[in-house]
């Protein structure tokens, strides 16, 4: 936007709205409350699906991890401190 057009626009807005930097609405729209409700509904539904997926899949994953970790310990392939602490307890 060139400077002349911008200046004319500012002059018109100055006459229409005065010196107010922030213009407040004459009414409070109901959109934010409903949008917040909808967001919470979607998040709760997603978290429920995620929890269900983790509850079914995580035990299988944990068992596979333990089996592979124990096999590595028996074969002496793991030489880190975390393994030493775990195997000492």
N, C-alpha and C. Protein backbone atom coordinates (compact mmCIF):
# COMPACT_ATOMS: atom_id res chain seq x y z
N UNK A 1 0.86 -1.16 0.00
CA UNK A 1 0.00 0.00 0.00
C UNK A 1 0.91 1.23 0.00
N UNK A 2 0.64 2.15 -0.90
CA UNK A 2 1.51 3.32 -0.96
C UNK A 2 1.15 4.28 0.18
N UNK A 3 2.03 5.24 0.43
CA UNK A 3 1.92 6.13 1.58
C UNK A 3 0.68 7.02 1.51
N UNK A 4 0.34 7.51 0.33
CA UNK A 4 -0.81 8.41 0.21
C UNK A 4 -2.11 7.68 0.53
N UNK A 5 -2.26 6.47 0.00
CA UNK A 5 -3.46 5.69 0.27
C UNK A 5 -3.56 5.35 1.75
N UNK A 6 -2.44 5.00 2.32
CA UNK A 6 -2.42 4.66 3.75
C UNK A 6 -2.81 5.86 4.60
N UNK A 7 -2.31 7.03 4.25
CA UNK A 7 -2.62 8.25 5.01
C UNK A 7 -4.12 8.58 4.91
N UNK A 8 -4.70 8.45 3.71
CA UNK A 8 -6.13 8.71 3.55
C UNK A 8 -6.97 7.73 4.37
N UNK A 9 -6.54 6.48 4.39
CA UNK A 9 -7.26 5.48 5.17
C UNK A 9 -7.18 5.80 6.66
N UNK A 10 -6.01 6.17 7.12
CA UNK A 10 -5.85 6.53 8.53
C UNK A 10 -6.70 7.75 8.90
N UNK A 11 -6.77 8.73 8.00
CA UNK A 11 -7.59 9.91 8.27
C UNK A 11 -9.06 9.54 8.40
N UNK A 12 -9.56 8.68 7.51
CA UNK A 12 -10.95 8.25 7.59
C UNK A 12 -11.24 7.48 8.87
N UNK A 13 -10.34 6.58 9.22
CA UNK A 13 -10.53 5.80 10.44
C UNK A 13 -10.46 6.69 11.68
N UNK A 14 -9.60 7.68 11.64
CA UNK A 14 -9.47 8.60 12.78
C UNK A 14 -10.78 9.35 12.99
N UNK A 15 -11.40 9.80 11.91
CA UNK A 15 -12.66 10.53 12.05
C UNK A 15 -13.78 9.60 12.52
N UNK A 16 -13.76 8.36 12.04
CA UNK A 16 -14.85 7.44 12.37
C UNK A 16 -14.75 6.91 13.80
N UNK A 17 -13.55 6.54 14.23
CA UNK A 17 -13.39 5.89 15.53
C UNK A 17 -12.74 6.77 16.59
N UNK A 18 -12.31 7.93 16.25
CA UNK A 18 -11.69 8.81 17.25
C UNK A 18 -10.31 8.33 17.62
N UNK A 19 -9.98 8.48 18.88
CA UNK A 19 -8.61 8.16 19.33
C UNK A 19 -8.51 6.76 19.93
N UNK A 20 -9.55 5.96 19.86
CA UNK A 20 -9.52 4.64 20.46
C UNK A 20 -8.56 3.71 19.72
N UNK A 21 -7.64 3.11 20.48
CA UNK A 21 -6.70 2.16 19.88
C UNK A 21 -7.35 0.78 19.76
N UNK A 22 -8.23 0.45 20.72
CA UNK A 22 -8.91 -0.83 20.71
C UNK A 22 -10.41 -0.57 20.65
N UNK A 23 -11.06 -1.20 19.72
CA UNK A 23 -12.50 -1.06 19.59
C UNK A 23 -13.17 -2.29 20.19
N UNK A 24 -14.04 -2.06 21.16
CA UNK A 24 -14.73 -3.17 21.82
C UNK A 24 -16.05 -3.45 21.11
N UNK A 25 -16.39 -4.71 21.03
CA UNK A 25 -17.62 -5.13 20.38
C UNK A 25 -18.81 -4.72 21.24
N UNK A 26 -19.96 -4.51 20.60
CA UNK A 26 -21.16 -4.15 21.33
C UNK A 26 -21.81 -5.37 21.98
N UNK A 27 -21.42 -6.55 21.56
CA UNK A 27 -21.96 -7.77 22.15
C UNK A 27 -20.84 -8.80 22.26
N UNK A 28 -21.02 -9.76 23.14
CA UNK A 28 -20.05 -10.83 23.30
C UNK A 28 -20.51 -12.04 22.51
N UNK A 29 -19.76 -12.45 21.50
CA UNK A 29 -20.19 -13.59 20.70
C UNK A 29 -20.11 -14.89 21.50
N UNK A 30 -20.96 -15.83 21.16
CA UNK A 30 -20.99 -17.13 21.85
C UNK A 30 -20.00 -18.12 21.25
N UNK A 31 -19.28 -17.73 20.25
CA UNK A 31 -18.37 -18.65 19.56
C UNK A 31 -17.25 -19.18 20.46
N UNK A 32 -16.57 -18.34 21.26
CA UNK A 32 -15.47 -18.89 22.04
C UNK A 32 -15.88 -20.02 22.98
N UNK A 33 -17.01 -19.91 23.65
CA UNK A 33 -17.43 -20.98 24.57
C UNK A 33 -17.71 -22.28 23.81
N UNK A 34 -18.40 -22.18 22.70
CA UNK A 34 -18.71 -23.40 21.95
C UNK A 34 -17.46 -23.99 21.31
N UNK A 35 -16.56 -23.13 20.87
CA UNK A 35 -15.31 -23.63 20.28
C UNK A 35 -14.48 -24.34 21.34
N UNK A 36 -14.46 -23.78 22.55
CA UNK A 36 -13.72 -24.40 23.64
C UNK A 36 -14.32 -25.76 24.00
N UNK A 37 -15.63 -25.84 24.05
CA UNK A 37 -16.31 -27.12 24.32
C UNK A 37 -15.98 -28.15 23.26
N UNK A 38 -16.03 -27.72 22.00
CA UNK A 38 -15.76 -28.64 20.90
C UNK A 38 -14.31 -29.12 20.94
N UNK A 39 -13.37 -28.21 21.26
CA UNK A 39 -11.96 -28.58 21.37
C UNK A 39 -11.78 -29.62 22.47
N UNK A 40 -12.37 -29.38 23.65
CA UNK A 40 -12.25 -30.33 24.75
C UNK A 40 -12.86 -31.68 24.39
N UNK A 41 -13.99 -31.67 23.67
CA UNK A 41 -14.63 -32.92 23.27
C UNK A 41 -13.73 -33.72 22.34
N UNK A 42 -13.12 -33.04 21.38
CA UNK A 42 -12.24 -33.72 20.42
C UNK A 42 -10.99 -34.25 21.12
N UNK A 43 -10.40 -33.44 22.01
CA UNK A 43 -9.20 -33.88 22.73
C UNK A 43 -9.51 -35.07 23.61
N UNK A 44 -10.63 -35.03 24.32
CA UNK A 44 -10.99 -36.15 25.19
C UNK A 44 -11.23 -37.42 24.37
N UNK A 45 -11.87 -37.30 23.22
CA UNK A 45 -12.10 -38.47 22.36
C UNK A 45 -10.77 -39.02 21.87
N UNK A 46 -9.86 -38.14 21.46
CA UNK A 46 -8.54 -38.58 20.97
C UNK A 46 -7.75 -39.26 22.09
N UNK A 47 -7.76 -38.66 23.27
CA UNK A 47 -7.01 -39.25 24.38
C UNK A 47 -7.60 -40.61 24.78
N UNK A 48 -8.92 -40.76 24.67
CA UNK A 48 -9.53 -42.06 24.94
C UNK A 48 -9.07 -43.11 23.95
N UNK A 49 -9.03 -42.75 22.67
CA UNK A 49 -8.55 -43.69 21.65
C UNK A 49 -7.08 -44.03 21.87
N UNK A 50 -6.28 -43.03 22.22
CA UNK A 50 -4.86 -43.25 22.46
C UNK A 50 -4.65 -44.17 23.67
N UNK A 51 -5.41 -43.93 24.74
CA UNK A 51 -5.30 -44.76 25.93
C UNK A 51 -5.66 -46.20 25.61
N UNK A 52 -6.72 -46.39 24.85
CA UNK A 52 -7.14 -47.73 24.48
C UNK A 52 -6.07 -48.44 23.66
N UNK A 53 -5.48 -47.72 22.71
CA UNK A 53 -4.43 -48.31 21.87
C UNK A 53 -3.20 -48.66 22.70
N UNK A 54 -2.85 -47.79 23.64
CA UNK A 54 -1.68 -48.06 24.48
C UNK A 54 -1.94 -49.23 25.43
N UNK A 55 -3.14 -49.29 25.98
CA UNK A 55 -3.45 -50.39 26.90
C UNK A 55 -3.40 -51.75 26.20
N UNK A 56 -3.73 -51.78 24.93
CA UNK A 56 -3.68 -53.07 24.22
C UNK A 56 -2.29 -53.36 23.67
N UNK A 57 -1.59 -52.35 23.22
CA UNK A 57 -0.31 -52.59 22.56
C UNK A 57 0.91 -52.51 23.45
N UNK A 58 0.85 -51.74 24.52
CA UNK A 58 2.03 -51.53 25.36
C UNK A 58 2.48 -52.79 26.09
N UNK A 59 1.60 -53.60 26.64
CA UNK A 59 2.09 -54.83 27.30
C UNK A 59 2.85 -55.75 26.36
N UNK A 60 2.39 -55.88 25.12
CA UNK A 60 3.11 -56.70 24.15
C UNK A 60 4.49 -56.12 23.86
N UNK A 61 4.54 -54.81 23.71
CA UNK A 61 5.81 -54.15 23.45
C UNK A 61 6.76 -54.32 24.63
N UNK A 62 6.25 -54.14 25.85
CA UNK A 62 7.09 -54.26 27.04
C UNK A 62 7.64 -55.68 27.18
N UNK A 63 6.80 -56.67 26.91
CA UNK A 63 7.25 -58.06 27.01
C UNK A 63 8.33 -58.36 25.97
N UNK A 64 8.14 -57.89 24.75
CA UNK A 64 9.15 -58.08 23.71
C UNK A 64 10.46 -57.41 24.09
N UNK A 65 10.36 -56.20 24.64
CA UNK A 65 11.56 -55.47 25.07
C UNK A 65 12.29 -56.24 26.17
N UNK A 66 11.54 -56.72 27.18
CA UNK A 66 12.18 -57.47 28.28
C UNK A 66 12.85 -58.73 27.76
N UNK A 67 12.17 -59.44 26.86
CA UNK A 67 12.73 -60.68 26.31
C UNK A 67 14.05 -60.41 25.58
N UNK A 68 14.07 -59.37 24.74
CA UNK A 68 15.29 -59.04 23.99
C UNK A 68 16.38 -58.53 24.92
N UNK A 69 16.00 -57.73 25.93
CA UNK A 69 16.99 -57.21 26.87
C UNK A 69 17.63 -58.35 27.65
N UNK A 70 16.80 -59.29 28.12
CA UNK A 70 17.34 -60.41 28.88
C UNK A 70 18.23 -61.30 28.01
N UNK A 71 17.88 -61.46 26.75
CA UNK A 71 18.73 -62.25 25.84
C UNK A 71 20.07 -61.56 25.65
N UNK A 72 20.06 -60.24 25.54
CA UNK A 72 21.31 -59.51 25.40
C UNK A 72 22.16 -59.61 26.66
N UNK A 73 21.51 -59.60 27.82
CA UNK A 73 22.25 -59.74 29.08
C UNK A 73 22.90 -61.12 29.18
N UNK A 74 22.15 -62.16 28.81
CA UNK A 74 22.70 -63.52 28.88
C UNK A 74 23.89 -63.69 27.94
N UNK A 75 23.78 -63.06 26.78
CA UNK A 75 24.86 -63.19 25.80
C UNK A 75 26.00 -62.21 26.05
N UNK A 76 25.84 -61.31 27.02
CA UNK A 76 26.89 -60.36 27.35
C UNK A 76 27.07 -59.26 26.32
N UNK A 77 26.02 -58.94 25.58
CA UNK A 77 26.14 -57.91 24.54
C UNK A 77 25.90 -56.51 25.07
N UNK A 78 25.38 -56.37 26.29
CA UNK A 78 25.10 -55.04 26.83
C UNK A 78 26.13 -54.72 27.90
N UNK A 79 26.80 -53.61 27.74
CA UNK A 79 27.82 -53.22 28.70
C UNK A 79 27.64 -51.78 29.14
N UNK A 80 26.42 -51.38 29.40
CA UNK A 80 26.22 -50.01 29.86
C UNK A 80 25.86 -49.99 31.34
N UNK A 81 25.94 -48.83 31.95
CA UNK A 81 25.72 -48.69 33.39
C UNK A 81 24.29 -49.00 33.79
N UNK A 82 23.33 -48.60 32.96
CA UNK A 82 21.92 -48.86 33.29
C UNK A 82 21.67 -50.35 33.41
N UNK A 83 22.28 -51.13 32.53
CA UNK A 83 22.11 -52.58 32.57
C UNK A 83 22.75 -53.14 33.83
N UNK A 84 23.91 -52.63 34.21
CA UNK A 84 24.58 -53.09 35.42
C UNK A 84 23.72 -52.83 36.66
N UNK A 85 23.13 -51.66 36.72
CA UNK A 85 22.28 -51.31 37.86
C UNK A 85 21.05 -52.20 37.89
N UNK A 86 20.43 -52.43 36.73
CA UNK A 86 19.23 -53.26 36.64
C UNK A 86 19.54 -54.70 37.03
N UNK A 87 20.65 -55.22 36.56
CA UNK A 87 20.95 -56.62 36.82
C UNK A 87 21.42 -56.84 38.26
N UNK A 88 21.87 -55.80 38.93
CA UNK A 88 22.32 -55.97 40.32
C UNK A 88 21.15 -56.00 41.29
N UNK A 89 19.99 -55.50 40.88
CA UNK A 89 18.84 -55.40 41.79
C UNK A 89 17.97 -56.55 41.79
